[in-house]
Amino acid sequence: AKDKSEKIFALAFVKLMRYDGTTLRDGEHDLIVYKAEAKKLEDASTYLSLPSTKIELEEKGHSATGKSMQNLGSCTISKDSFQISTLVCSTKLTQNVDLLGLLKWRSNTNLLQQNLKQLMKVDGGEVVKFLQDTLDALFNIMMENSESETFDTLVFDALVFIIGLIADRKFQHFNPVLETYIKKHFSATLAYTKLTKVLKTYVDNAEK
């Protein structure tokens, strides 16, 4: 009964997923505080289309400072500020757009070559979290393009990169995951013909 007399005075929110399908970046975020006018903000659809952070506000061409009382649609921005710090832990959602592009490679095969090259620039910690999914993607790319050799060298390089990562002391505890993958999940039985060909090319050109 006591709480019923307490009115919502302000609201801040954050979107956990970004427009490109990746998750919210780790770190600090300056959230916009909206003034709660009447019962407007009790309906989530009123504010979910609005920017949630000051960076997002600036990207949309508004000033985060100065006009702090500006009106966005039906909601007024308060002078107050609210900061949160986030750390996303997930084995299904990634913060890295290049890794996401590789894991969902079938949805845009035009970017496949670029995604394979970019994989080797992705933070190792992000790659090892998605170890099985990444290895599955690499072998599927190779086997579903069995008639062509377009991606073979890039897939080979990516596999070497991943094995190199797990050999690193920092990620040694992921070694059992790799072992389990080899014993139980690996199913690209004909990949060896393509991989051996790339290996032979590298050995033949070792001096270069």
N, C-alpha and C. Protein backbone atom coordinates (compact mmCIF):
# COMPACT_ATOMS: atom_id res chain seq x y z
N ALA A 1 0.83 -1.21 0.00
CA ALA A 1 0.00 0.00 0.00
C ALA A 1 0.87 1.26 0.00
N LYS A 2 1.96 1.19 0.77
CA LYS A 2 2.86 2.36 0.86
C LYS A 2 3.50 2.63 -0.52
N ASP A 3 3.90 1.53 -1.21
CA ASP A 3 4.56 1.68 -2.50
C ASP A 3 3.66 2.27 -3.58
N LYS A 4 2.37 2.07 -3.42
CA LYS A 4 1.45 2.55 -4.45
C LYS A 4 1.51 4.07 -4.58
N SER A 5 1.85 4.73 -3.49
CA SER A 5 1.91 6.19 -3.54
C SER A 5 3.24 6.68 -4.15
N GLU A 6 4.20 5.75 -4.27
CA GLU A 6 5.50 6.11 -4.86
C GLU A 6 5.38 6.06 -6.38
N LYS A 7 5.67 7.15 -7.02
CA LYS A 7 5.56 7.18 -8.49
C LYS A 7 6.95 6.96 -9.11
N ILE A 8 6.96 6.37 -10.30
CA ILE A 8 8.22 6.24 -11.03
C ILE A 8 8.67 7.65 -11.38
N PHE A 9 9.91 8.00 -11.04
CA PHE A 9 10.36 9.37 -11.36
C PHE A 9 11.29 9.40 -12.56
N ALA A 10 11.94 8.28 -12.85
CA ALA A 10 12.85 8.26 -14.01
C ALA A 10 13.05 6.83 -14.47
N LEU A 11 13.60 6.70 -15.68
CA LEU A 11 13.81 5.37 -16.23
C LEU A 11 15.06 5.36 -17.11
N ALA A 12 15.84 4.30 -16.98
CA ALA A 12 16.99 4.09 -17.88
C ALA A 12 16.96 2.62 -18.29
N PHE A 13 17.41 2.32 -19.49
CA PHE A 13 17.42 0.93 -19.94
C PHE A 13 18.60 0.72 -20.87
N VAL A 14 18.92 -0.54 -21.15
CA VAL A 14 20.00 -0.82 -22.11
C VAL A 14 19.60 -1.99 -22.98
N LYS A 15 20.02 -1.93 -24.26
CA LYS A 15 19.71 -3.02 -25.18
C LYS A 15 20.86 -4.03 -25.13
N LEU A 16 20.56 -5.28 -24.86
CA LEU A 16 21.60 -6.30 -24.75
C LEU A 16 22.12 -6.75 -26.11
N MET A 17 21.31 -6.56 -27.15
CA MET A 17 21.76 -6.93 -28.49
C MET A 17 21.89 -5.68 -29.35
N ARG A 18 22.95 -5.65 -30.16
CA ARG A 18 23.17 -4.52 -31.07
C ARG A 18 22.49 -4.80 -32.41
N TYR A 19 22.35 -3.75 -33.23
CA TYR A 19 21.66 -3.87 -34.52
C TYR A 19 22.32 -4.89 -35.45
N ASP A 20 23.65 -5.15 -35.26
CA ASP A 20 24.35 -6.08 -36.17
C ASP A 20 24.32 -7.53 -35.69
N GLY A 21 23.55 -7.81 -34.62
CA GLY A 21 23.43 -9.19 -34.13
C GLY A 21 24.45 -9.57 -33.08
N THR A 22 25.35 -8.63 -32.73
CA THR A 22 26.32 -8.92 -31.66
C THR A 22 25.76 -8.41 -30.34
N THR A 23 26.41 -8.82 -29.24
CA THR A 23 25.92 -8.40 -27.92
C THR A 23 26.53 -7.06 -27.51
N LEU A 24 25.97 -6.51 -26.46
CA LEU A 24 26.47 -5.28 -25.85
C LEU A 24 27.96 -5.45 -25.53
N ARG A 25 28.78 -4.46 -25.82
CA ARG A 25 30.21 -4.54 -25.54
C ARG A 25 30.47 -4.53 -24.04
N ASP A 26 31.49 -5.25 -23.62
CA ASP A 26 31.90 -5.20 -22.21
C ASP A 26 32.41 -3.80 -21.88
N GLY A 27 32.17 -3.37 -20.66
CA GLY A 27 32.72 -2.07 -20.25
C GLY A 27 31.64 -1.16 -19.68
N GLU A 28 32.00 0.12 -19.58
CA GLU A 28 31.07 1.09 -18.98
C GLU A 28 30.17 1.72 -20.04
N HIS A 29 28.95 1.94 -19.64
CA HIS A 29 27.97 2.55 -20.55
C HIS A 29 27.25 3.67 -19.82
N ASP A 30 27.21 4.85 -20.46
CA ASP A 30 26.46 5.99 -19.90
C ASP A 30 25.04 5.93 -20.43
N LEU A 31 24.13 5.58 -19.55
CA LEU A 31 22.74 5.44 -19.97
C LEU A 31 22.01 6.77 -19.88
N ILE A 32 21.06 6.93 -20.78
CA ILE A 32 20.23 8.13 -20.75
C ILE A 32 19.15 7.91 -19.70
N VAL A 33 18.89 8.95 -18.92
CA VAL A 33 17.82 8.87 -17.93
C VAL A 33 16.64 9.66 -18.49
N TYR A 34 15.53 8.96 -18.65
CA TYR A 34 14.31 9.61 -19.14
C TYR A 34 13.41 9.99 -17.97
N LYS A 35 12.83 11.17 -18.06
CA LYS A 35 11.87 11.58 -17.03
C LYS A 35 10.60 10.75 -17.21
N ALA A 36 10.10 10.27 -16.11
CA ALA A 36 8.87 9.47 -16.20
C ALA A 36 7.67 10.39 -16.06
N GLU A 37 7.02 10.65 -17.18
CA GLU A 37 5.86 11.53 -17.14
C GLU A 37 4.59 10.69 -17.16
N ALA A 38 3.75 10.94 -16.17
CA ALA A 38 2.49 10.21 -16.02
C ALA A 38 2.73 8.71 -16.13
N LYS A 39 1.93 8.00 -16.91
CA LYS A 39 2.09 6.55 -16.98
C LYS A 39 2.72 6.14 -18.31
N LYS A 40 3.24 7.11 -19.05
CA LYS A 40 3.79 6.84 -20.37
C LYS A 40 4.80 5.71 -20.36
N LEU A 41 5.75 5.80 -19.42
CA LEU A 41 6.89 4.86 -19.45
C LEU A 41 6.59 3.49 -18.84
N GLU A 42 5.36 3.29 -18.39
CA GLU A 42 5.02 1.95 -17.89
C GLU A 42 4.85 0.99 -19.06
N ASP A 43 4.64 1.54 -20.25
CA ASP A 43 4.50 0.73 -21.45
C ASP A 43 5.86 0.72 -22.17
N ALA A 44 6.49 -0.46 -22.19
CA ALA A 44 7.85 -0.58 -22.75
C ALA A 44 7.95 -0.10 -24.20
N SER A 45 6.87 -0.28 -24.98
CA SER A 45 6.93 0.11 -26.40
C SER A 45 7.14 1.62 -26.57
N THR A 46 6.83 2.38 -25.51
CA THR A 46 7.01 3.84 -25.58
C THR A 46 8.47 4.21 -25.67
N TYR A 47 9.33 3.47 -24.96
CA TYR A 47 10.75 3.87 -24.92
C TYR A 47 11.73 2.94 -25.63
N LEU A 48 11.33 1.71 -25.95
CA LEU A 48 12.31 0.78 -26.52
C LEU A 48 12.84 1.20 -27.89
N SER A 49 12.12 2.09 -28.56
CA SER A 49 12.61 2.55 -29.87
C SER A 49 13.55 3.76 -29.72
N LEU A 50 13.66 4.27 -28.49
CA LEU A 50 14.51 5.44 -28.23
C LEU A 50 15.95 5.02 -27.98
N PRO A 51 16.91 5.93 -28.12
CA PRO A 51 18.31 5.58 -27.78
C PRO A 51 18.45 5.28 -26.29
N SER A 52 19.27 4.29 -25.95
CA SER A 52 19.41 3.93 -24.53
C SER A 52 20.71 4.48 -23.91
N THR A 53 21.71 4.75 -24.76
CA THR A 53 22.98 5.27 -24.22
C THR A 53 23.30 6.62 -24.85
N LYS A 54 24.22 7.35 -24.22
CA LYS A 54 24.58 8.67 -24.73
C LYS A 54 25.26 8.56 -26.10
N ILE A 55 26.03 7.49 -26.29
CA ILE A 55 26.71 7.28 -27.59
C ILE A 55 25.67 7.10 -28.69
N GLU A 56 24.64 6.29 -28.38
CA GLU A 56 23.56 6.04 -29.35
C GLU A 56 22.84 7.34 -29.69
N LEU A 57 22.66 8.18 -28.69
CA LEU A 57 21.99 9.48 -28.87
C LEU A 57 22.78 10.36 -29.83
N GLU A 58 24.12 10.38 -29.63
CA GLU A 58 24.99 11.18 -30.49
C GLU A 58 25.02 10.63 -31.91
N GLU A 59 24.98 9.28 -32.03
CA GLU A 59 24.98 8.65 -33.36
C GLU A 59 23.74 9.06 -34.15
N LYS A 60 22.66 9.31 -33.42
CA LYS A 60 21.41 9.71 -34.09
C LYS A 60 21.36 11.21 -34.34
N GLY A 61 22.48 11.91 -34.07
CA GLY A 61 22.57 13.32 -34.38
C GLY A 61 22.07 14.28 -33.32
N HIS A 62 21.80 13.76 -32.11
CA HIS A 62 21.38 14.65 -31.02
C HIS A 62 22.57 14.93 -30.13
N SER A 63 22.51 16.00 -29.39
CA SER A 63 23.59 16.32 -28.46
C SER A 63 23.28 15.70 -27.10
N ALA A 64 24.28 15.04 -26.50
CA ALA A 64 24.05 14.41 -25.19
C ALA A 64 24.23 15.44 -24.08
N THR A 65 24.85 16.56 -24.42
CA THR A 65 25.04 17.61 -23.41
C THR A 65 24.32 18.86 -23.89
N GLY A 66 24.31 19.86 -23.09
CA GLY A 66 23.65 21.11 -23.50
C GLY A 66 22.15 20.98 -23.44
N LYS A 67 21.57 20.44 -24.51
CA LYS A 67 20.11 20.32 -24.54
C LYS A 67 19.67 19.11 -23.73
N SER A 68 20.02 19.09 -22.46
CA SER A 68 19.72 17.89 -21.68
C SER A 68 18.23 17.73 -21.40
N MET A 69 17.47 18.80 -21.64
CA MET A 69 16.03 18.69 -21.39
C MET A 69 15.28 18.42 -22.69
N GLN A 70 16.03 18.05 -23.74
CA GLN A 70 15.38 17.92 -25.04
C GLN A 70 14.32 16.80 -25.05
N ASN A 71 13.44 16.93 -25.98
CA ASN A 71 12.34 15.99 -26.08
C ASN A 71 12.60 14.99 -27.20
N LEU A 72 12.45 13.71 -26.90
CA LEU A 72 12.59 12.68 -27.92
C LEU A 72 11.24 12.00 -28.02
N GLY A 73 10.52 12.31 -29.06
CA GLY A 73 9.19 11.74 -29.18
C GLY A 73 8.35 12.22 -28.01
N SER A 74 7.90 11.28 -27.20
CA SER A 74 7.05 11.65 -26.07
C SER A 74 7.81 11.64 -24.75
N CYS A 75 9.14 11.45 -24.82
CA CYS A 75 9.91 11.32 -23.57
C CYS A 75 10.96 12.43 -23.45
N THR A 76 11.07 12.98 -22.26
CA THR A 76 12.04 14.04 -22.01
C THR A 76 13.26 13.47 -21.30
N ILE A 77 14.46 13.91 -21.76
CA ILE A 77 15.69 13.44 -21.15
C ILE A 77 15.99 14.28 -19.90
N SER A 78 16.31 13.58 -18.84
CA SER A 78 16.61 14.24 -17.56
C SER A 78 18.06 14.72 -17.55
N LYS A 79 18.39 15.62 -16.64
CA LYS A 79 19.77 16.09 -16.49
C LYS A 79 20.62 15.04 -15.78
N ASP A 80 19.96 14.10 -15.13
CA ASP A 80 20.69 13.07 -14.38
C ASP A 80 21.41 12.12 -15.32
N SER A 81 22.42 11.45 -14.77
CA SER A 81 23.12 10.45 -15.59
C SER A 81 23.19 9.15 -14.80
N PHE A 82 23.33 8.06 -15.52
CA PHE A 82 23.35 6.74 -14.88
C PHE A 82 24.35 5.87 -15.63
N GLN A 83 25.33 5.36 -14.92
CA GLN A 83 26.37 4.57 -15.58
C GLN A 83 26.36 3.13 -15.07
N ILE A 84 26.47 2.20 -16.01
CA ILE A 84 26.57 0.78 -15.63
C ILE A 84 27.84 0.19 -16.25
N SER A 85 28.27 -0.91 -15.69
CA SER A 85 29.41 -1.64 -16.25
C SER A 85 28.94 -3.06 -16.53
N THR A 86 29.22 -3.55 -17.74
CA THR A 86 28.72 -4.89 -18.10
C THR A 86 29.85 -5.83 -18.50
N LEU A 87 29.60 -7.11 -18.30
CA LEU A 87 30.51 -8.17 -18.73
C LEU A 87 29.63 -9.31 -19.23
N VAL A 88 29.65 -9.56 -20.52
CA VAL A 88 28.79 -10.61 -21.09
C VAL A 88 29.55 -11.93 -21.13
N CYS A 89 28.94 -12.98 -20.58
CA CYS A 89 29.53 -14.33 -20.64
C CYS A 89 28.55 -15.22 -21.38
N SER A 90 28.93 -15.66 -22.57
CA SER A 90 28.01 -16.49 -23.36
C SER A 90 28.78 -17.40 -24.29
N THR A 91 28.24 -18.59 -24.51
CA THR A 91 28.85 -19.49 -25.50
C THR A 91 27.99 -19.54 -26.76
N LYS A 92 26.98 -18.68 -26.82
CA LYS A 92 26.10 -18.64 -28.00
C LYS A 92 26.01 -17.26 -28.63
N LEU A 93 26.25 -16.21 -27.84
CA LEU A 93 26.16 -14.85 -28.37
C LEU A 93 27.54 -14.21 -28.30
N THR A 94 27.98 -13.63 -29.39
CA THR A 94 29.32 -13.03 -29.42
C THR A 94 29.27 -11.51 -29.55
N GLN A 95 30.32 -10.86 -29.04
CA GLN A 95 30.44 -9.40 -29.16
C GLN A 95 31.18 -9.02 -30.43
N ASN A 96 31.70 -10.04 -31.13
CA ASN A 96 32.56 -9.76 -32.27
C ASN A 96 31.83 -9.99 -33.60
N VAL A 97 31.72 -8.94 -34.38
CA VAL A 97 30.95 -9.02 -35.62
C VAL A 97 31.62 -9.94 -36.66
N ASP A 98 32.96 -10.02 -36.64
CA ASP A 98 33.67 -10.90 -37.59
C ASP A 98 33.43 -12.37 -37.26
N LEU A 99 33.47 -12.68 -35.97
CA LEU A 99 33.21 -14.07 -35.56
C LEU A 99 31.77 -14.44 -35.86
N LEU A 100 30.86 -13.52 -35.61
CA LEU A 100 29.44 -13.77 -35.90
C LEU A 100 29.25 -14.04 -37.39
N GLY A 101 29.97 -13.26 -38.22
CA GLY A 101 29.88 -13.44 -39.67
C GLY A 101 30.32 -14.83 -40.09
N LEU A 102 31.35 -15.36 -39.42
CA LEU A 102 31.84 -16.70 -39.75
C LEU A 102 30.85 -17.77 -39.27
N LEU A 103 30.35 -17.62 -38.05
CA LEU A 103 29.42 -18.62 -37.49
C LEU A 103 28.12 -18.67 -38.29
N LYS A 104 27.73 -17.52 -38.85
CA LYS A 104 26.49 -17.47 -39.65
C LYS A 104 26.84 -17.30 -41.13
N TRP A 105 27.89 -17.96 -41.57
CA TRP A 105 28.43 -17.74 -42.91
C TRP A 105 27.44 -18.02 -44.03
N ARG A 106 26.49 -18.93 -43.80
CA ARG A 106 25.55 -19.27 -44.89
C ARG A 106 24.63 -18.10 -45.24
N SER A 107 24.42 -17.21 -44.26
CA SER A 107 23.48 -16.10 -44.52
C SER A 107 24.09 -15.02 -45.43
N ASN A 108 25.43 -15.03 -45.58
CA ASN A 108 26.04 -14.09 -46.54
C ASN A 108 27.36 -14.66 -47.04
N THR A 109 27.27 -15.50 -48.05
CA THR A 109 28.47 -16.19 -48.56
C THR A 109 29.42 -15.23 -49.28
N ASN A 110 28.92 -14.05 -49.67
CA ASN A 110 29.78 -13.07 -50.35
C ASN A 110 30.89 -12.57 -49.43
N LEU A 111 30.62 -12.59 -48.13
CA LEU A 111 31.60 -12.07 -47.16
C LEU A 111 32.50 -13.17 -46.59
N LEU A 112 32.32 -14.39 -47.11
CA LEU A 112 33.02 -15.54 -46.52
C LEU A 112 34.53 -15.38 -46.51
N GLN A 113 35.10 -14.98 -47.63
CA GLN A 113 36.54 -14.82 -47.72
C GLN A 113 37.04 -13.80 -46.68
N GLN A 114 36.34 -12.70 -46.60
CA GLN A 114 36.69 -11.64 -45.64
C GLN A 114 36.55 -12.14 -44.20
N ASN A 115 35.46 -12.88 -43.91
CA ASN A 115 35.24 -13.39 -42.56
C ASN A 115 36.33 -14.38 -42.13
N LEU A 116 36.78 -15.20 -43.08
CA LEU A 116 37.84 -16.16 -42.78
C LEU A 116 39.16 -15.44 -42.46
N LYS A 117 39.43 -14.39 -43.22
CA LYS A 117 40.66 -13.62 -42.96
C LYS A 117 40.58 -12.90 -41.62
N GLN A 118 39.41 -12.35 -41.34
CA GLN A 118 39.22 -11.57 -40.11
C GLN A 118 39.27 -12.45 -38.86
N LEU A 119 38.93 -13.73 -39.01
CA LEU A 119 38.94 -14.64 -37.84
C LEU A 119 40.27 -14.58 -37.11
N MET A 120 41.35 -14.48 -37.88
CA MET A 120 42.68 -14.52 -37.27
C MET A 120 43.05 -13.22 -36.57
N LYS A 121 42.12 -12.24 -36.62
CA LYS A 121 42.34 -10.98 -35.89
C LYS A 121 41.42 -10.89 -34.67
N VAL A 122 40.53 -11.88 -34.54
CA VAL A 122 39.57 -11.87 -33.42
C VAL A 122 40.31 -12.23 -32.14
N ASP A 123 39.91 -11.60 -31.05
CA ASP A 123 40.49 -11.89 -29.74
C ASP A 123 40.39 -13.38 -29.43
N GLY A 124 41.51 -13.99 -29.03
CA GLY A 124 41.57 -15.44 -28.78
C GLY A 124 40.53 -15.91 -27.77
N GLY A 125 40.30 -15.09 -26.73
CA GLY A 125 39.34 -15.47 -25.70
C GLY A 125 37.94 -15.64 -26.25
N GLU A 126 37.61 -14.86 -27.26
CA GLU A 126 36.28 -14.93 -27.88
C GLU A 126 36.19 -16.19 -28.75
N VAL A 127 37.28 -16.51 -29.46
CA VAL A 127 37.28 -17.68 -30.35
C VAL A 127 37.16 -18.98 -29.56
N VAL A 128 37.94 -19.11 -28.47
CA VAL A 128 37.93 -20.39 -27.74
C VAL A 128 36.58 -20.66 -27.08
N LYS A 129 35.85 -19.59 -26.74
CA LYS A 129 34.52 -19.78 -26.14
C LYS A 129 33.57 -20.45 -27.14
N PHE A 130 33.83 -20.23 -28.43
CA PHE A 130 32.97 -20.77 -29.49
C PHE A 130 33.69 -21.86 -30.27
N LEU A 131 34.57 -22.56 -29.58
CA LEU A 131 35.46 -23.52 -30.24
C LEU A 131 34.74 -24.52 -31.14
N GLN A 132 33.77 -25.24 -30.57
CA GLN A 132 33.10 -26.26 -31.38
C GLN A 132 32.34 -25.64 -32.55
N ASP A 133 31.62 -24.55 -32.28
CA ASP A 133 30.85 -23.90 -33.36
C ASP A 133 31.77 -23.39 -34.46
N THR A 134 32.94 -22.85 -34.06
CA THR A 134 33.88 -22.31 -35.05
C THR A 134 34.47 -23.44 -35.89
N LEU A 135 34.87 -24.53 -35.24
CA LEU A 135 35.44 -25.66 -35.98
C LEU A 135 34.40 -26.27 -36.92
N ASP A 136 33.16 -26.40 -36.43
CA ASP A 136 32.08 -26.92 -37.29
C ASP A 136 31.92 -26.03 -38.52
N ALA A 137 31.92 -24.72 -38.30
CA ALA A 137 31.75 -23.78 -39.42
C ALA A 137 32.87 -23.95 -40.43
N LEU A 138 34.12 -24.05 -39.94
CA LEU A 138 35.27 -24.18 -40.85
C LEU A 138 35.18 -25.45 -41.69
N PHE A 139 34.87 -26.57 -41.04
CA PHE A 139 34.78 -27.83 -41.79
C PHE A 139 33.58 -27.84 -42.74
N ASN A 140 32.48 -27.21 -42.32
CA ASN A 140 31.30 -27.14 -43.20
C ASN A 140 31.59 -26.30 -44.44
N ILE A 141 32.32 -25.20 -44.24
CA ILE A 141 32.70 -24.34 -45.38
C ILE A 141 33.51 -25.17 -46.37
N MET A 142 34.43 -25.94 -45.85
CA MET A 142 35.31 -26.73 -46.71
C MET A 142 34.52 -27.82 -47.46
N MET A 143 33.66 -28.52 -46.72
CA MET A 143 32.95 -29.65 -47.33
C MET A 143 31.81 -29.22 -48.25
N GLU A 144 31.19 -28.08 -47.94
CA GLU A 144 30.08 -27.63 -48.79
C GLU A 144 30.58 -26.92 -50.04
N ASN A 145 31.89 -26.70 -50.09
CA ASN A 145 32.51 -26.15 -51.30
C ASN A 145 33.53 -27.16 -51.83
N SER A 146 33.11 -28.43 -51.81
CA SER A 146 34.04 -29.52 -52.15
C SER A 146 34.52 -29.46 -53.60
N GLU A 147 33.73 -28.84 -54.47
CA GLU A 147 34.12 -28.78 -55.88
C GLU A 147 35.17 -27.70 -56.15
N SER A 148 35.30 -26.78 -55.20
CA SER A 148 36.24 -25.68 -55.45
C SER A 148 37.31 -25.62 -54.35
N GLU A 149 38.41 -24.96 -54.67
CA GLU A 149 39.51 -24.84 -53.70
C GLU A 149 39.59 -23.41 -53.16
N THR A 150 38.58 -22.62 -53.46
CA THR A 150 38.60 -21.19 -53.11
C THR A 150 38.95 -20.92 -51.66
N PHE A 151 38.31 -21.68 -50.75
CA PHE A 151 38.46 -21.38 -49.32
C PHE A 151 39.43 -22.30 -48.59
N ASP A 152 39.99 -23.28 -49.31
CA ASP A 152 40.79 -24.32 -48.64
C ASP A 152 41.98 -23.76 -47.85
N THR A 153 42.75 -22.86 -48.47
CA THR A 153 43.92 -22.32 -47.78
C THR A 153 43.51 -21.48 -46.58
N LEU A 154 42.45 -20.70 -46.73
CA LEU A 154 41.99 -19.86 -45.62
C LEU A 154 41.47 -20.70 -44.46
N VAL A 155 40.77 -21.79 -44.78
CA VAL A 155 40.26 -22.69 -43.72
C VAL A 155 41.46 -23.36 -43.04
N PHE A 156 42.43 -23.80 -43.81
CA PHE A 156 43.64 -24.42 -43.26
C PHE A 156 44.33 -23.45 -42.30
N ASP A 157 44.52 -22.20 -42.76
CA ASP A 157 45.16 -21.18 -41.92
C ASP A 157 44.38 -20.94 -40.63
N ALA A 158 43.05 -20.92 -40.75
CA ALA A 158 42.20 -20.69 -39.57
C ALA A 158 42.34 -21.85 -38.58
N LEU A 159 42.40 -23.08 -39.09
CA LEU A 159 42.56 -24.25 -38.20
C LEU A 159 43.90 -24.20 -37.47
N VAL A 160 44.95 -23.82 -38.20
CA VAL A 160 46.28 -23.69 -37.59
C VAL A 160 46.26 -22.60 -36.52
N PHE A 161 45.56 -21.50 -36.83
CA PHE A 161 45.42 -20.39 -35.89
C PHE A 161 44.75 -20.85 -34.60
N ILE A 162 43.67 -21.63 -34.73
CA ILE A 162 42.92 -22.11 -33.55
C ILE A 162 43.75 -23.08 -32.73
N ILE A 163 44.43 -24.01 -33.41
CA ILE A 163 45.26 -24.98 -32.67
C ILE A 163 46.40 -24.24 -31.96
N GLY A 164 46.94 -23.22 -32.64
CA GLY A 164 47.98 -22.38 -32.03
C GLY A 164 47.48 -21.67 -30.79
N LEU A 165 46.25 -21.20 -30.85
CA LEU A 165 45.65 -20.51 -29.69
C LEU A 165 45.60 -21.44 -28.48
N ILE A 166 45.14 -22.68 -28.72
CA ILE A 166 44.95 -23.61 -27.62
C ILE A 166 46.29 -24.12 -27.09
N ALA A 167 47.32 -24.03 -27.92
CA ALA A 167 48.66 -24.41 -27.46
C ALA A 167 49.23 -23.33 -26.53
N ASP A 168 48.66 -22.13 -26.63
CA ASP A 168 49.11 -21.02 -25.78
C ASP A 168 48.74 -21.29 -24.33
N ARG A 169 49.65 -20.99 -23.44
CA ARG A 169 49.42 -21.27 -22.01
C ARG A 169 48.11 -20.63 -21.51
N LYS A 170 47.80 -19.46 -22.05
CA LYS A 170 46.61 -18.71 -21.63
C LYS A 170 45.32 -19.51 -21.84
N PHE A 171 45.29 -20.34 -22.90
CA PHE A 171 44.06 -21.06 -23.22
C PHE A 171 44.22 -22.58 -23.10
N GLN A 172 45.24 -23.02 -22.36
CA GLN A 172 45.50 -24.46 -22.24
C GLN A 172 44.30 -25.25 -21.71
N HIS A 173 43.53 -24.60 -20.83
CA HIS A 173 42.40 -25.32 -20.23
C HIS A 173 41.30 -25.64 -21.24
N PHE A 174 41.44 -25.14 -22.49
CA PHE A 174 40.48 -25.49 -23.53
C PHE A 174 40.92 -26.72 -24.32
N ASN A 175 42.10 -27.22 -23.98
CA ASN A 175 42.62 -28.39 -24.69
C ASN A 175 41.66 -29.59 -24.65
N PRO A 176 41.07 -29.91 -23.47
CA PRO A 176 40.11 -31.04 -23.43
C PRO A 176 38.92 -30.82 -24.37
N VAL A 177 38.54 -29.57 -24.58
CA VAL A 177 37.41 -29.27 -25.49
C VAL A 177 37.80 -29.66 -26.91
N LEU A 178 39.05 -29.34 -27.29
CA LEU A 178 39.55 -29.70 -28.62
C LEU A 178 39.64 -31.22 -28.77
N GLU A 179 40.17 -31.87 -27.72
CA GLU A 179 40.30 -33.34 -27.75
C GLU A 179 38.92 -34.00 -27.92
N THR A 180 37.94 -33.49 -27.15
CA THR A 180 36.58 -34.04 -27.23
C THR A 180 36.00 -33.81 -28.62
N TYR A 181 36.28 -32.65 -29.18
CA TYR A 181 35.76 -32.35 -30.53
C TYR A 181 36.32 -33.36 -31.53
N ILE A 182 37.63 -33.61 -31.45
CA ILE A 182 38.28 -34.54 -32.39
C ILE A 182 37.69 -35.95 -32.25
N LYS A 183 37.49 -36.38 -30.99
CA LYS A 183 37.02 -37.75 -30.75
C LYS A 183 35.53 -37.93 -31.00
N LYS A 184 34.72 -36.92 -30.64
CA LYS A 184 33.27 -37.13 -30.67
C LYS A 184 32.50 -36.32 -31.71
N HIS A 185 32.96 -35.11 -32.03
CA HIS A 185 32.14 -34.24 -32.85
C HIS A 185 32.61 -34.07 -34.29
N PHE A 186 33.90 -34.28 -34.51
CA PHE A 186 34.44 -34.10 -35.85
C PHE A 186 33.78 -35.09 -36.82
N SER A 187 33.24 -34.59 -37.93
CA SER A 187 32.54 -35.51 -38.84
C SER A 187 32.89 -35.28 -40.31
N ALA A 188 33.80 -34.34 -40.57
CA ALA A 188 34.16 -34.04 -41.98
C ALA A 188 35.22 -35.03 -42.45
N THR A 189 34.78 -36.26 -42.67
CA THR A 189 35.74 -37.34 -42.94
C THR A 189 36.57 -37.15 -44.21
N LEU A 190 36.06 -36.36 -45.15
CA LEU A 190 36.81 -36.17 -46.41
C LEU A 190 37.65 -34.89 -46.41
N ALA A 191 37.67 -34.20 -45.29
CA ALA A 191 38.43 -32.94 -45.22
C ALA A 191 39.92 -33.17 -45.42
N TYR A 192 40.39 -34.37 -45.05
CA TYR A 192 41.83 -34.62 -45.13
C TYR A 192 42.38 -34.46 -46.54
N THR A 193 41.56 -34.79 -47.56
CA THR A 193 42.07 -34.68 -48.94
C THR A 193 42.38 -33.23 -49.28
N LYS A 194 41.50 -32.32 -48.82
CA LYS A 194 41.71 -30.90 -49.10
C LYS A 194 42.83 -30.34 -48.22
N LEU A 195 42.83 -30.74 -46.95
CA LEU A 195 43.84 -30.22 -46.02
C LEU A 195 45.25 -30.68 -46.40
N THR A 196 45.35 -31.93 -46.84
CA THR A 196 46.66 -32.47 -47.23
C THR A 196 47.21 -31.72 -48.43
N LYS A 197 46.32 -31.37 -49.35
CA LYS A 197 46.73 -30.64 -50.55
C LYS A 197 47.33 -29.27 -50.18
N VAL A 198 46.65 -28.58 -49.23
CA VAL A 198 47.15 -27.27 -48.78
C VAL A 198 48.49 -27.45 -48.07
N LEU A 199 48.57 -28.47 -47.21
CA LEU A 199 49.81 -28.73 -46.47
C LEU A 199 50.96 -28.99 -47.45
N LYS A 200 50.68 -29.78 -48.49
CA LYS A 200 51.72 -30.09 -49.48
C LYS A 200 52.19 -28.81 -50.18
N THR A 201 51.23 -27.94 -50.52
CA THR A 201 51.59 -26.66 -51.17
C THR A 201 52.51 -25.85 -50.27
N TYR A 202 52.14 -25.80 -48.95
CA TYR A 202 52.96 -25.04 -48.00
C TYR A 202 54.36 -25.65 -47.85
N VAL A 203 54.43 -26.97 -47.84
CA VAL A 203 55.73 -27.66 -47.69
C VAL A 203 56.57 -27.41 -48.95
N ASP A 204 55.92 -27.52 -50.12
CA ASP A 204 56.64 -27.29 -51.38
C ASP A 204 57.19 -25.87 -51.48
N ASN A 205 56.48 -24.94 -50.83
CA ASN A 205 56.89 -23.53 -50.91
C ASN A 205 57.43 -23.03 -49.59
N ALA A 206 57.96 -23.97 -48.78
CA ALA A 206 58.41 -23.61 -47.43
C ALA A 206 59.48 -22.51 -47.44
N GLU A 207 60.32 -22.52 -48.46
CA GLU A 207 61.41 -21.53 -48.51
C GLU A 207 60.88 -20.11 -48.67
N LYS A 208 59.70 -19.98 -49.24
CA LYS A 208 59.11 -18.64 -49.44
C LYS A 208 58.52 -18.13 -48.14
